[in-house]
């Protein structure tokens, strides 16, 4: 199975924990109870608690999609959740010129497949229709989705299921270069990308998966190696090394480990394996996985990968 097909398969499942872990819902007496014969949008329209969400779905042009066959799992923010956004944010998002941004935010709340609270346990996240991954965690007896608390579950619909959350969740909005810059430990990598002329690629649409060596990883190279690679005459060699760290597509760690290898932008493949609980990319150890960016994902590694 290809790395991309594994990733797509992985996107169909997520873990919500057991129903007893969820807090009691504090919705109004008009709260929707679900109707297996109604689609997700129609079901949400049956509750005043989702009027803002429904308005946003209409403004984003997503009504038809969410009334389709699906199935979909929707993490649905209440009106109170939208009210927690900074003043003016919602009004700005509902403007026609921000339709694409609004669509991106809303599809970040939707996971492919019908995932009930009691059906899948043991995983830590799910890939959304927007492309980025939601982090799912059990914290102090409750379940959170990217930091939002799940307040009720399993509102059944003809084409999926709704789980109610108390906060609007926002996808990453910084590109790979901006994300690496903000992290503060990739100064050498960023300087190398600039010297190799790869910044336009890594700030472009992508998506890309970057196995990113830290400054400490570059420091492990023989003395003078980095300085030599940064010289203009060695630009092509530097570009080849950096491309060996980049894979086309947004590939999260579970899919990468299952695939066992991935073809890089250089053309050569890297090997991915798990040994004693640690993930290795060739001989480099993954220190931190699944750092989302607007145009891809970063996996932090402790050594520079060198192509053959």
C-alpha atoms as a PDB file:
ATOM      1  CA  UNK A   1       0.000   0.000   0.000  1.00  0.00           C
ATOM      2  CA  UNK A   2       1.303   3.466  -0.865  1.00  0.00           C
ATOM      3  CA  UNK A   3       2.009   6.087   1.762  1.00  0.00           C
ATOM      4  CA  UNK A   4      -0.790   8.270   0.442  1.00  0.00           C
ATOM      5  CA  UNK A   5      -3.342   5.420   0.462  1.00  0.00           C
ATOM      6  CA  UNK A   6      -2.423   4.550   4.021  1.00  0.00           C
ATOM      7  CA  UNK A   7      -2.896   8.200   4.957  1.00  0.00           C
ATOM      8  CA  UNK A   8      -6.347   8.268   3.348  1.00  0.00           C
ATOM      9  CA  UNK A   9      -7.342   5.116   5.175  1.00  0.00           C
ATOM     10  CA  UNK A  10      -6.123   6.544   8.445  1.00  0.00           C
ATOM     11  CA  UNK A  11      -8.283   9.610   7.915  1.00  0.00           C
ATOM     12  CA  UNK A  12     -11.395   7.448   8.288  1.00  0.00           C
ATOM     13  CA  UNK A  13     -10.942   6.728  11.975  1.00  0.00           C
ATOM     14  CA  UNK A  14     -10.449   8.598  15.208  1.00  0.00           C
ATOM     15  CA  UNK A  15     -10.705   7.964  18.928  1.00  0.00           C
ATOM     16  CA  UNK A  16     -13.279   9.655  21.142  1.00  0.00           C
ATOM     17  CA  UNK A  17     -12.931   7.514  24.241  1.00  0.00           C
ATOM     18  CA  UNK A  18     -15.869   5.895  26.023  1.00  0.00           C
ATOM     19  CA  UNK A  19     -19.184   7.687  26.526  1.00  0.00           C
ATOM     20  CA  UNK A  20     -18.708   7.932  30.302  1.00  0.00           C
ATOM     21  CA  UNK A  21     -15.751  10.242  29.763  1.00  0.00           C
ATOM     22  CA  UNK A  22     -17.855  13.026  28.294  1.00  0.00           C
ATOM     23  CA  UNK A  23     -19.248  15.896  30.307  1.00  0.00           C
ATOM     24  CA  UNK A  24     -22.983  16.383  30.442  1.00  0.00           C
ATOM     25  CA  UNK A  25     -24.380  18.629  27.743  1.00  0.00           C
ATOM     26  CA  UNK A  26     -25.495  22.071  28.883  1.00  0.00           C
ATOM     27  CA  UNK A  27     -27.595  23.070  25.890  1.00  0.00           C
ATOM     28  CA  UNK A  28     -30.946  24.831  25.827  1.00  0.00           C
ATOM     29  CA  UNK A  29     -34.300  23.113  25.917  1.00  0.00           C
ATOM     30  CA  UNK A  30     -34.317  23.349  22.123  1.00  0.00           C
ATOM     31  CA  UNK A  31     -31.260  21.094  21.894  1.00  0.00           C
ATOM     32  CA  UNK A  32     -31.355  18.713  18.976  1.00  0.00           C
ATOM     33  CA  UNK A  33     -31.687  15.042  19.831  1.00  0.00           C
ATOM     34  CA  UNK A  34     -30.905  13.652  16.409  1.00  0.00           C
ATOM     35  CA  UNK A  35     -32.994  11.983  13.743  1.00  0.00           C
ATOM     36  CA  UNK A  36     -31.577   9.045  11.809  1.00  0.00           C
ATOM     37  CA  UNK A  37     -33.729  10.081   8.855  1.00  0.00           C
ATOM     38  CA  UNK A  38     -32.383  13.639   8.626  1.00  0.00           C
ATOM     39  CA  UNK A  39     -29.047  14.767   7.221  1.00  0.00           C
ATOM     40  CA  UNK A  40     -26.464  16.644   9.303  1.00  0.00           C
ATOM     41  CA  UNK A  41     -27.500  20.128   8.183  1.00  0.00           C
ATOM     42  CA  UNK A  42     -31.216  19.508   8.688  1.00  0.00           C
ATOM     43  CA  UNK A  43     -30.519  18.024  12.108  1.00  0.00           C
ATOM     44  CA  UNK A  44     -28.455  21.046  13.134  1.00  0.00           C
ATOM     45  CA  UNK A  45     -31.189  23.373  11.883  1.00  0.00           C
ATOM     46  CA  UNK A  46     -33.522  21.729  14.387  1.00  0.00           C
ATOM     47  CA  UNK A  47     -31.720  23.410  17.279  1.00  0.00           C
ATOM     48  CA  UNK A  48     -31.337  27.090  18.090  1.00  0.00           C
ATOM     49  CA  UNK A  49     -28.001  26.169  19.671  1.00  0.00           C
ATOM     50  CA  UNK A  50     -26.546  25.622  16.193  1.00  0.00           C
ATOM     51  CA  UNK A  51     -27.992  28.662  14.405  1.00  0.00           C
ATOM     52  CA  UNK A  52     -24.570  30.315  14.084  1.00  0.00           C
ATOM     53  CA  UNK A  53     -23.010  27.125  12.774  1.00  0.00           C
ATOM     54  CA  UNK A  54     -25.801  26.704  10.231  1.00  0.00           C
ATOM     55  CA  UNK A  55     -25.367  30.311   9.073  1.00  0.00           C
ATOM     56  CA  UNK A  56     -21.643  29.713   8.679  1.00  0.00           C
ATOM     57  CA  UNK A  57     -22.202  26.495   6.722  1.00  0.00           C
ATOM     58  CA  UNK A  58     -24.514  28.361   4.354  1.00  0.00           C
ATOM     59  CA  UNK A  59     -22.051  31.253   3.923  1.00  0.00           C
ATOM     60  CA  UNK A  60     -19.244  28.795   3.169  1.00  0.00           C
ATOM     61  CA  UNK A  61     -21.289  26.978   0.553  1.00  0.00           C
ATOM     62  CA  UNK A  62     -21.061  23.661   2.395  1.00  0.00           C
ATOM     63  CA  UNK A  63     -24.761  22.840   2.757  1.00  0.00           C
ATOM     64  CA  UNK A  64     -24.912  20.535  -0.253  1.00  0.00           C
ATOM     65  CA  UNK A  65     -21.740  18.716   0.747  1.00  0.00           C
ATOM     66  CA  UNK A  66     -22.938  18.076   4.307  1.00  0.00           C
ATOM     67  CA  UNK A  67     -26.311  16.920   3.015  1.00  0.00           C
ATOM     68  CA  UNK A  68     -24.575  14.382   0.780  1.00  0.00           C
ATOM     69  CA  UNK A  69     -24.139  10.674   1.353  1.00  0.00           C
ATOM     70  CA  UNK A  70     -21.106  11.017   3.606  1.00  0.00           C
ATOM     71  CA  UNK A  71     -20.903   9.629   6.141  1.00  0.00           C
ATOM     72  CA  UNK A  72     -19.329  12.413   8.174  1.00  0.00           C
ATOM     73  CA  UNK A  73     -18.468  12.976  11.808  1.00  0.00           C
ATOM     74  CA  UNK A  74     -18.995  16.627  12.748  1.00  0.00           C
ATOM     75  CA  UNK A  75     -17.571  18.299  15.846  1.00  0.00           C
ATOM     76  CA  UNK A  76     -20.190  21.024  16.081  1.00  0.00           C
ATOM     77  CA  UNK A  77     -19.544  24.279  18.002  1.00  0.00           C
ATOM     78  CA  UNK A  78     -22.563  25.785  19.711  1.00  0.00           C
ATOM     79  CA  UNK A  79     -23.608  29.408  19.448  1.00  0.00           C
ATOM     80  CA  UNK A  80     -21.841  29.972  22.770  1.00  0.00           C
ATOM     81  CA  UNK A  81     -18.675  28.525  21.262  1.00  0.00           C
ATOM     82  CA  UNK A  82     -18.778  31.001  18.384  1.00  0.00           C
ATOM     83  CA  UNK A  83     -19.449  33.814  20.857  1.00  0.00           C
ATOM     84  CA  UNK A  84     -16.072  33.070  22.480  1.00  0.00           C
ATOM     85  CA  UNK A  85     -14.225  34.171  19.334  1.00  0.00           C
ATOM     86  CA  UNK A  86     -12.654  37.645  19.440  1.00  0.00           C
ATOM     87  CA  UNK A  87     -15.087  40.448  18.731  1.00  0.00           C
ATOM     88  CA  UNK A  88     -15.682  40.923  15.021  1.00  0.00           C
ATOM     89  CA  UNK A  89     -14.138  37.586  14.005  1.00  0.00           C
ATOM     90  CA  UNK A  90     -17.373  35.865  13.076  1.00  0.00           C
ATOM     91  CA  UNK A  91     -18.765  38.865  11.200  1.00  0.00           C
ATOM     92  CA  UNK A  92     -15.534  39.043   9.224  1.00  0.00           C
ATOM     93  CA  UNK A  93     -15.592  35.334   8.399  1.00  0.00           C
ATOM     94  CA  UNK A  94     -19.153  35.560   7.105  1.00  0.00           C
ATOM     95  CA  UNK A  95     -18.161  38.105   4.455  1.00  0.00           C
ATOM     96  CA  UNK A  96     -18.227  36.722   0.888  1.00  0.00           C
ATOM     97  CA  UNK A  97     -14.553  37.566   0.331  1.00  0.00           C
ATOM     98  CA  UNK A  98     -13.624  35.246   3.231  1.00  0.00           C
ATOM     99  CA  UNK A  99     -15.601  32.263   1.982  1.00  0.00           C
ATOM    100  CA  UNK A 100     -12.510  30.088   1.429  1.00  0.00           C
ATOM    101  CA  UNK A 101     -11.142  30.807   4.903  1.00  0.00           C
ATOM    102  CA  UNK A 102     -14.515  30.056   6.486  1.00  0.00           C
ATOM    103  CA  UNK A 103     -14.774  26.813   4.522  1.00  0.00           C
ATOM    104  CA  UNK A 104     -11.308  25.805   5.706  1.00  0.00           C
ATOM    105  CA  UNK A 105     -12.270  26.386   9.335  1.00  0.00           C
ATOM    106  CA  UNK A 106     -15.561  24.510   9.063  1.00  0.00           C
ATOM    107  CA  UNK A 107     -14.111  21.505   7.236  1.00  0.00           C
ATOM    108  CA  UNK A 108     -11.525  21.333  10.043  1.00  0.00           C
ATOM    109  CA  UNK A 109     -14.489  20.312  12.219  1.00  0.00           C
ATOM    110  CA  UNK A 110     -15.436  17.381   9.963  1.00  0.00           C
ATOM    111  CA  UNK A 111     -13.903  13.905   9.829  1.00  0.00           C
ATOM    112  CA  UNK A 112     -14.740  11.373   7.090  1.00  0.00           C
ATOM    113  CA  UNK A 113     -16.722   8.375   8.327  1.00  0.00           C
ATOM    114  CA  UNK A 114     -19.371   7.804  10.989  1.00  0.00           C
ATOM    115  CA  UNK A 115     -17.425   7.627  14.267  1.00  0.00           C
ATOM    116  CA  UNK A 116     -19.487   6.981  17.379  1.00  0.00           C
ATOM    117  CA  UNK A 117     -18.138   7.729  20.843  1.00  0.00           C
ATOM    118  CA  UNK A 118     -18.077   4.076  21.822  1.00  0.00           C
ATOM    119  CA  UNK A 119     -16.825   2.619  18.557  1.00  0.00           C
ATOM    120  CA  UNK A 120     -13.135   3.460  18.420  1.00  0.00           C
ATOM    121  CA  UNK A 121     -10.707   3.803  21.332  1.00  0.00           C
ATOM    122  CA  UNK A 122      -6.944   4.031  21.712  1.00  0.00           C
ATOM    123  CA  UNK A 123      -6.080   6.522  18.962  1.00  0.00           C
ATOM    124  CA  UNK A 124      -5.026  10.094  19.533  1.00  0.00           C
ATOM    125  CA  UNK A 125      -6.295  11.985  16.509  1.00  0.00           C
ATOM    126  CA  UNK A 126      -8.149  12.156  13.236  1.00  0.00           C
ATOM    127  CA  UNK A 127      -7.519  13.726   9.852  1.00  0.00           C
ATOM    128  CA  UNK A 128     -10.229  16.183   8.814  1.00  0.00           C
ATOM    129  CA  UNK A 129     -11.783  17.063   5.468  1.00  0.00           C
ATOM    130  CA  UNK A 130      -9.686  20.234   5.606  1.00  0.00           C
ATOM    131  CA  UNK A 131      -6.560  18.061   5.580  1.00  0.00           C
ATOM    132  CA  UNK A 132      -5.068  18.887   8.951  1.00  0.00           C
ATOM    133  CA  UNK A 133      -5.207  16.567  11.934  1.00  0.00           C
ATOM    134  CA  UNK A 134      -7.269  16.969  15.082  1.00  0.00           C
ATOM    135  CA  UNK A 135      -5.611  16.025  18.368  1.00  0.00           C
ATOM    136  CA  UNK A 136      -7.899  14.026  20.641  1.00  0.00           C
ATOM    137  CA  UNK A 137      -7.059  13.639  24.315  1.00  0.00           C
ATOM    138  CA  UNK A 138      -8.541  12.587  27.628  1.00  0.00           C
ATOM    139  CA  UNK A 139      -7.963  15.324  30.191  1.00  0.00           C
ATOM    140  CA  UNK A 140      -9.287  15.274  33.742  1.00  0.00           C
ATOM    141  CA  UNK A 141     -11.993  12.771  32.935  1.00  0.00           C
ATOM    142  CA  UNK A 142     -13.219  14.518  29.801  1.00  0.00           C
ATOM    143  CA  UNK A 143     -12.420  14.341  26.106  1.00  0.00           C
ATOM    144  CA  UNK A 144     -10.979  17.276  24.187  1.00  0.00           C
ATOM    145  CA  UNK A 145     -10.635  17.832  20.456  1.00  0.00           C
ATOM    146  CA  UNK A 146      -7.814  20.273  19.745  1.00  0.00           C
ATOM    147  CA  UNK A 147      -8.460  21.743  23.185  1.00  0.00           C
ATOM    148  CA  UNK A 148     -12.242  22.019  22.800  1.00  0.00           C
ATOM    149  CA  UNK A 149     -14.285  20.000  25.287  1.00  0.00           C
ATOM    150  CA  UNK A 150     -16.811  17.532  23.920  1.00  0.00           C
ATOM    151  CA  UNK A 151     -20.052  18.236  25.788  1.00  0.00           C
ATOM    152  CA  UNK A 152     -22.388  15.701  24.210  1.00  0.00           C
ATOM    153  CA  UNK A 153     -21.991  12.880  21.703  1.00  0.00           C
ATOM    154  CA  UNK A 154     -23.738  10.649  19.213  1.00  0.00           C
ATOM    155  CA  UNK A 155     -26.407  12.883  17.696  1.00  0.00           C
ATOM    156  CA  UNK A 156     -27.272  10.439  14.941  1.00  0.00           C
ATOM    157  CA  UNK A 157     -28.090  11.598  11.416  1.00  0.00           C
ATOM    158  CA  UNK A 158     -28.857   9.874   8.140  1.00  0.00           C
ATOM    159  CA  UNK A 159     -25.399  10.692   6.777  1.00  0.00           C
ATOM    160  CA  UNK A 160     -23.283  10.758   9.882  1.00  0.00           C
ATOM    161  CA  UNK A 161     -23.057  11.785  13.510  1.00  0.00           C
ATOM    162  CA  UNK A 162     -22.658  15.054  15.424  1.00  0.00           C
ATOM    163  CA  UNK A 163     -20.565  15.529  18.571  1.00  0.00           C
ATOM    164  CA  UNK A 164     -21.025  18.896  20.276  1.00  0.00           C
ATOM    165  CA  UNK A 165     -17.992  20.963  21.346  1.00  0.00           C
ATOM    166  CA  UNK A 166     -17.717  24.115  23.442  1.00  0.00           C
ATOM    167  CA  UNK A 167     -15.091  25.985  21.409  1.00  0.00           C
ATOM    168  CA  UNK A 168     -14.475  26.737  17.730  1.00  0.00           C
ATOM    169  CA  UNK A 169     -11.281  24.935  16.701  1.00  0.00           C
ATOM    170  CA  UNK A 170      -8.946  26.615  14.247  1.00  0.00           C
ATOM    171  CA  UNK A 171      -6.535  24.971  11.804  1.00  0.00           C
ATOM    172  CA  UNK A 172      -2.900  26.019  11.630  1.00  0.00           C
ATOM    173  CA  UNK A 173      -2.542  29.183   9.556  1.00  0.00           C
ATOM    174  CA  UNK A 174       1.254  29.445   9.323  1.00  0.00           C
ATOM    175  CA  UNK A 175       3.110  27.816   6.442  1.00  0.00           C
ATOM    176  CA  UNK A 176       6.013  25.419   6.939  1.00  0.00           C
ATOM    177  CA  UNK A 177       8.657  28.130   7.014  1.00  0.00           C
ATOM    178  CA  UNK A 178       6.653  30.307   9.406  1.00  0.00           C
ATOM    179  CA  UNK A 179       5.966  27.304  11.642  1.00  0.00           C
ATOM    180  CA  UNK A 180       9.642  26.356  11.747  1.00  0.00           C
ATOM    181  CA  UNK A 181      10.599  29.951  12.478  1.00  0.00           C
ATOM    182  CA  UNK A 182       8.146  30.163  15.365  1.00  0.00           C
ATOM    183  CA  UNK A 183       9.491  26.915  16.842  1.00  0.00           C
ATOM    184  CA  UNK A 184      12.869  28.569  17.389  1.00  0.00           C
ATOM    185  CA  UNK A 185      15.077  25.484  16.941  1.00  0.00           C
ATOM    186  CA  UNK A 186      15.454  25.375  13.166  1.00  0.00           C
ATOM    187  CA  UNK A 187      17.706  28.350  12.439  1.00  0.00           C
ATOM    188  CA  UNK A 188      20.237  26.304  10.487  1.00  0.00           C
ATOM    189  CA  UNK A 189      17.568  24.501   8.494  1.00  0.00           C
ATOM    190  CA  UNK A 190      15.910  27.784   7.573  1.00  0.00           C
ATOM    191  CA  UNK A 191      19.231  29.325   6.551  1.00  0.00           C
ATOM    192  CA  UNK A 192      19.917  26.257   4.428  1.00  0.00           C
ATOM    193  CA  UNK A 193      16.493  26.425   2.777  1.00  0.00           C
ATOM    194  CA  UNK A 194      17.126  30.068   1.940  1.00  0.00           C
ATOM    195  CA  UNK A 195      20.583  29.349   0.533  1.00  0.00           C
ATOM    196  CA  UNK A 196      19.248  26.448  -1.533  1.00  0.00           C
ATOM    197  CA  UNK A 197      16.401  28.515  -2.990  1.00  0.00           C
ATOM    198  CA  UNK A 198      13.717  26.264  -1.496  1.00  0.00           C
ATOM    199  CA  UNK A 199      11.802  28.848   0.531  1.00  0.00           C
ATOM    200  CA  UNK A 200       9.288  29.567  -2.283  1.00  0.00           C
ATOM    201  CA  UNK A 201       8.519  25.841  -2.476  1.00  0.00           C
ATOM    202  CA  UNK A 202       8.077  25.455   1.277  1.00  0.00           C
ATOM    203  CA  UNK A 203       5.840  28.511   1.494  1.00  0.00           C
ATOM    204  CA  UNK A 204       3.773  27.434  -1.506  1.00  0.00           C
ATOM    205  CA  UNK A 205       0.529  25.493  -1.661  1.00  0.00           C
ATOM    206  CA  UNK A 206       2.050  22.074  -1.038  1.00  0.00           C
ATOM    207  CA  UNK A 207       1.167  20.165   0.947  1.00  0.00           C
ATOM    208  CA  UNK A 208       4.527  18.755   2.005  1.00  0.00           C
ATOM    209  CA  UNK A 209       5.788  16.595   4.836  1.00  0.00           C
ATOM    210  CA  UNK A 210       9.117  17.806   6.202  1.00  0.00           C
ATOM    211  CA  UNK A 211      11.435  15.714   8.345  1.00  0.00           C
ATOM    212  CA  UNK A 212      13.115  18.688   9.970  1.00  0.00           C
ATOM    213  CA  UNK A 213      16.572  18.436  11.587  1.00  0.00           C
ATOM    214  CA  UNK A 214      17.070  20.710  14.569  1.00  0.00           C
ATOM    215  CA  UNK A 215      20.023  23.040  15.016  1.00  0.00           C
ATOM    216  CA  UNK A 216      21.539  20.365  17.279  1.00  0.00           C
ATOM    217  CA  UNK A 217      21.158  17.840  14.461  1.00  0.00           C
ATOM    218  CA  UNK A 218      23.147  20.034  12.058  1.00  0.00           C
ATOM    219  CA  UNK A 219      25.756  20.558  14.782  1.00  0.00           C
ATOM    220  CA  UNK A 220      26.425  16.797  14.750  1.00  0.00           C
ATOM    221  CA  UNK A 221      27.783  17.005  11.196  1.00  0.00           C
ATOM    222  CA  UNK A 222      31.597  17.078  10.805  1.00  0.00           C
ATOM    223  CA  UNK A 223      33.149  20.464  11.544  1.00  0.00           C
ATOM    224  CA  UNK A 224      32.896  22.874   8.623  1.00  0.00           C
ATOM    225  CA  UNK A 225      30.237  20.844   6.760  1.00  0.00           C
ATOM    226  CA  UNK A 226      27.387  23.308   7.240  1.00  0.00           C
ATOM    227  CA  UNK A 227      29.562  26.301   6.368  1.00  0.00           C
ATOM    228  CA  UNK A 228      30.703  24.555   3.208  1.00  0.00           C
ATOM    229  CA  UNK A 229      27.168  23.616   2.133  1.00  0.00           C
ATOM    230  CA  UNK A 230      25.998  27.199   2.571  1.00  0.00           C
ATOM    231  CA  UNK A 231      28.514  28.463   0.033  1.00  0.00           C
ATOM    232  CA  UNK A 232      26.882  29.478  -3.283  1.00  0.00           C
ATOM    233  CA  UNK A 233      29.022  27.021  -5.271  1.00  0.00           C
ATOM    234  CA  UNK A 234      27.478  24.128  -3.296  1.00  0.00           C
ATOM    235  CA  UNK A 235      23.866  25.239  -3.724  1.00  0.00           C
ATOM    236  CA  UNK A 236      22.857  22.213  -5.811  1.00  0.00           C
ATOM    237  CA  UNK A 237      24.333  19.778  -3.310  1.00  0.00           C
ATOM    238  CA  UNK A 238      22.580  21.569  -0.456  1.00  0.00           C
ATOM    239  CA  UNK A 239      19.273  21.533  -2.330  1.00  0.00           C
ATOM    240  CA  UNK A 240      19.614  17.779  -2.881  1.00  0.00           C
ATOM    241  CA  UNK A 241      20.173  17.175   0.826  1.00  0.00           C
ATOM    242  CA  UNK A 242      17.194  19.297   1.819  1.00  0.00           C
ATOM    243  CA  UNK A 243      14.899  17.695  -0.769  1.00  0.00           C
ATOM    244  CA  UNK A 244      15.820  14.358   0.785  1.00  0.00           C
ATOM    245  CA  UNK A 245      13.977  15.588   3.891  1.00  0.00           C
ATOM    246  CA  UNK A 246      10.733  16.480   2.093  1.00  0.00           C
ATOM    247  CA  UNK A 247       7.877  14.238   0.937  1.00  0.00           C
ATOM    248  CA  UNK A 248       4.954  15.363  -1.205  1.00  0.00           C
ATOM    249  CA  UNK A 249       1.629  15.282   0.639  1.00  0.00           C
ATOM    250  CA  UNK A 250       0.580  15.715   4.240  1.00  0.00           C
ATOM    251  CA  UNK A 251       1.671  12.457   5.890  1.00  0.00           C
ATOM    252  CA  UNK A 252       1.039  11.981   9.594  1.00  0.00           C
ATOM    253  CA  UNK A 253       3.110   9.671  11.775  1.00  0.00           C
ATOM    254  CA  UNK A 254       0.744   6.650  12.026  1.00  0.00           C
ATOM    255  CA  UNK A 255       0.466   6.447   8.242  1.00  0.00           C
ATOM    256  CA  UNK A 256       4.196   6.999   7.771  1.00  0.00           C
ATOM    257  CA  UNK A 257       5.103   4.186  10.149  1.00  0.00           C
ATOM    258  CA  UNK A 258       2.646   1.803   8.526  1.00  0.00           C
ATOM    259  CA  UNK A 259       3.917   2.612   5.033  1.00  0.00           C
ATOM    260  CA  UNK A 260       7.551   1.973   6.112  1.00  0.00           C
ATOM    261  CA  UNK A 261       8.998   4.168   3.370  1.00  0.00           C
ATOM    262  CA  UNK A 262       8.353   7.353   1.423  1.00  0.00           C
ATOM    263  CA  UNK A 263       9.660   8.848  -1.799  1.00  0.00           C
ATOM    264  CA  UNK A 264      11.268  12.250  -1.235  1.00  0.00           C
ATOM    265  CA  UNK A 265      11.349  15.267  -3.537  1.00  0.00           C
ATOM    266  CA  UNK A 266      14.903  14.232  -4.410  1.00  0.00           C
ATOM    267  CA  UNK A 267      13.574  10.988  -5.860  1.00  0.00           C
ATOM    268  CA  UNK A 268      15.269   8.699  -3.362  1.00  0.00           C
ATOM    269  CA  UNK A 269      13.211   6.989  -0.668  1.00  0.00           C
ATOM    270  CA  UNK A 270      13.595   7.176   3.076  1.00  0.00           C
ATOM    271  CA  UNK A 271      12.924   4.212   5.351  1.00  0.00           C
ATOM    272  CA  UNK A 272      10.571   4.597   8.315  1.00  0.00           C
ATOM    273  CA  UNK A 273      10.384   2.122  11.184  1.00  0.00           C
ATOM    274  CA  UNK A 274       9.424   1.872  14.822  1.00  0.00           C
ATOM    275  CA  UNK A 275      11.872   0.280  17.262  1.00  0.00           C
ATOM    276  CA  UNK A 276      11.239   0.015  21.002  1.00  0.00           C
ATOM    277  CA  UNK A 277       8.683   2.792  20.913  1.00  0.00           C
ATOM    278  CA  UNK A 278      10.832   5.203  18.902  1.00  0.00           C
ATOM    279  CA  UNK A 279      10.264   6.101  15.252  1.00  0.00           C
ATOM    280  CA  UNK A 280      13.340   6.215  13.034  1.00  0.00           C
ATOM    281  CA  UNK A 281      13.649   7.834   9.615  1.00  0.00           C
ATOM    282  CA  UNK A 282      16.686   6.092   8.171  1.00  0.00           C
ATOM    283  CA  UNK A 283      18.955   6.446  11.231  1.00  0.00           C
ATOM    284  CA  UNK A 284      17.425   9.686  12.548  1.00  0.00           C
ATOM    285  CA  UNK A 285      15.097   9.576  15.545  1.00  0.00           C
ATOM    286  CA  UNK A 286      11.788  11.431  15.420  1.00  0.00           C
ATOM    287  CA  UNK A 287      11.742  13.751  18.431  1.00  0.00           C
ATOM    288  CA  UNK A 288       8.352  15.354  17.836  1.00  0.00           C
ATOM    289  CA  UNK A 289       5.755  14.291  15.281  1.00  0.00           C
ATOM    290  CA  UNK A 290       2.792  15.863  13.544  1.00  0.00           C
ATOM    291  CA  UNK A 291       3.402  19.603  13.841  1.00  0.00           C
ATOM    292  CA  UNK A 292       0.721  21.032  11.579  1.00  0.00           C
ATOM    293  CA  UNK A 293       1.308  23.884   9.170  1.00  0.00           C
ATOM    294  CA  UNK A 294      -1.121  25.433   6.721  1.00  0.00           C
ATOM    295  CA  UNK A 295       0.646  23.731   3.812  1.00  0.00           C
ATOM    296  CA  UNK A 296       1.931  20.547   5.378  1.00  0.00           C
ATOM    297  CA  UNK A 297       3.254  18.844   8.470  1.00  0.00           C
ATOM    298  CA  UNK A 298       6.621  18.761  10.239  1.00  0.00           C
ATOM    299  CA  UNK A 299       8.240  15.821  11.993  1.00  0.00           C
ATOM    300  CA  UNK A 300      11.264  16.883  14.037  1.00  0.00           C
ATOM    301  CA  UNK A 301      14.351  14.638  13.768  1.00  0.00           C
ATOM    302  CA  UNK A 302      17.656  14.532  15.634  1.00  0.00           C
ATOM    303  CA  UNK A 303      20.023  13.954  12.700  1.00  0.00           C
ATOM    304  CA  UNK A 304      20.506  15.268   9.185  1.00  0.00           C
ATOM    305  CA  UNK A 305      19.541  12.753   6.490  1.00  0.00           C
ATOM    306  CA  UNK A 306      22.123  12.313   3.749  1.00  0.00           C
ATOM    307  CA  UNK A 307      21.167  10.899   0.347  1.00  0.00           C
ATOM    308  CA  UNK A 308      23.273   8.250  -1.358  1.00  0.00           C
END
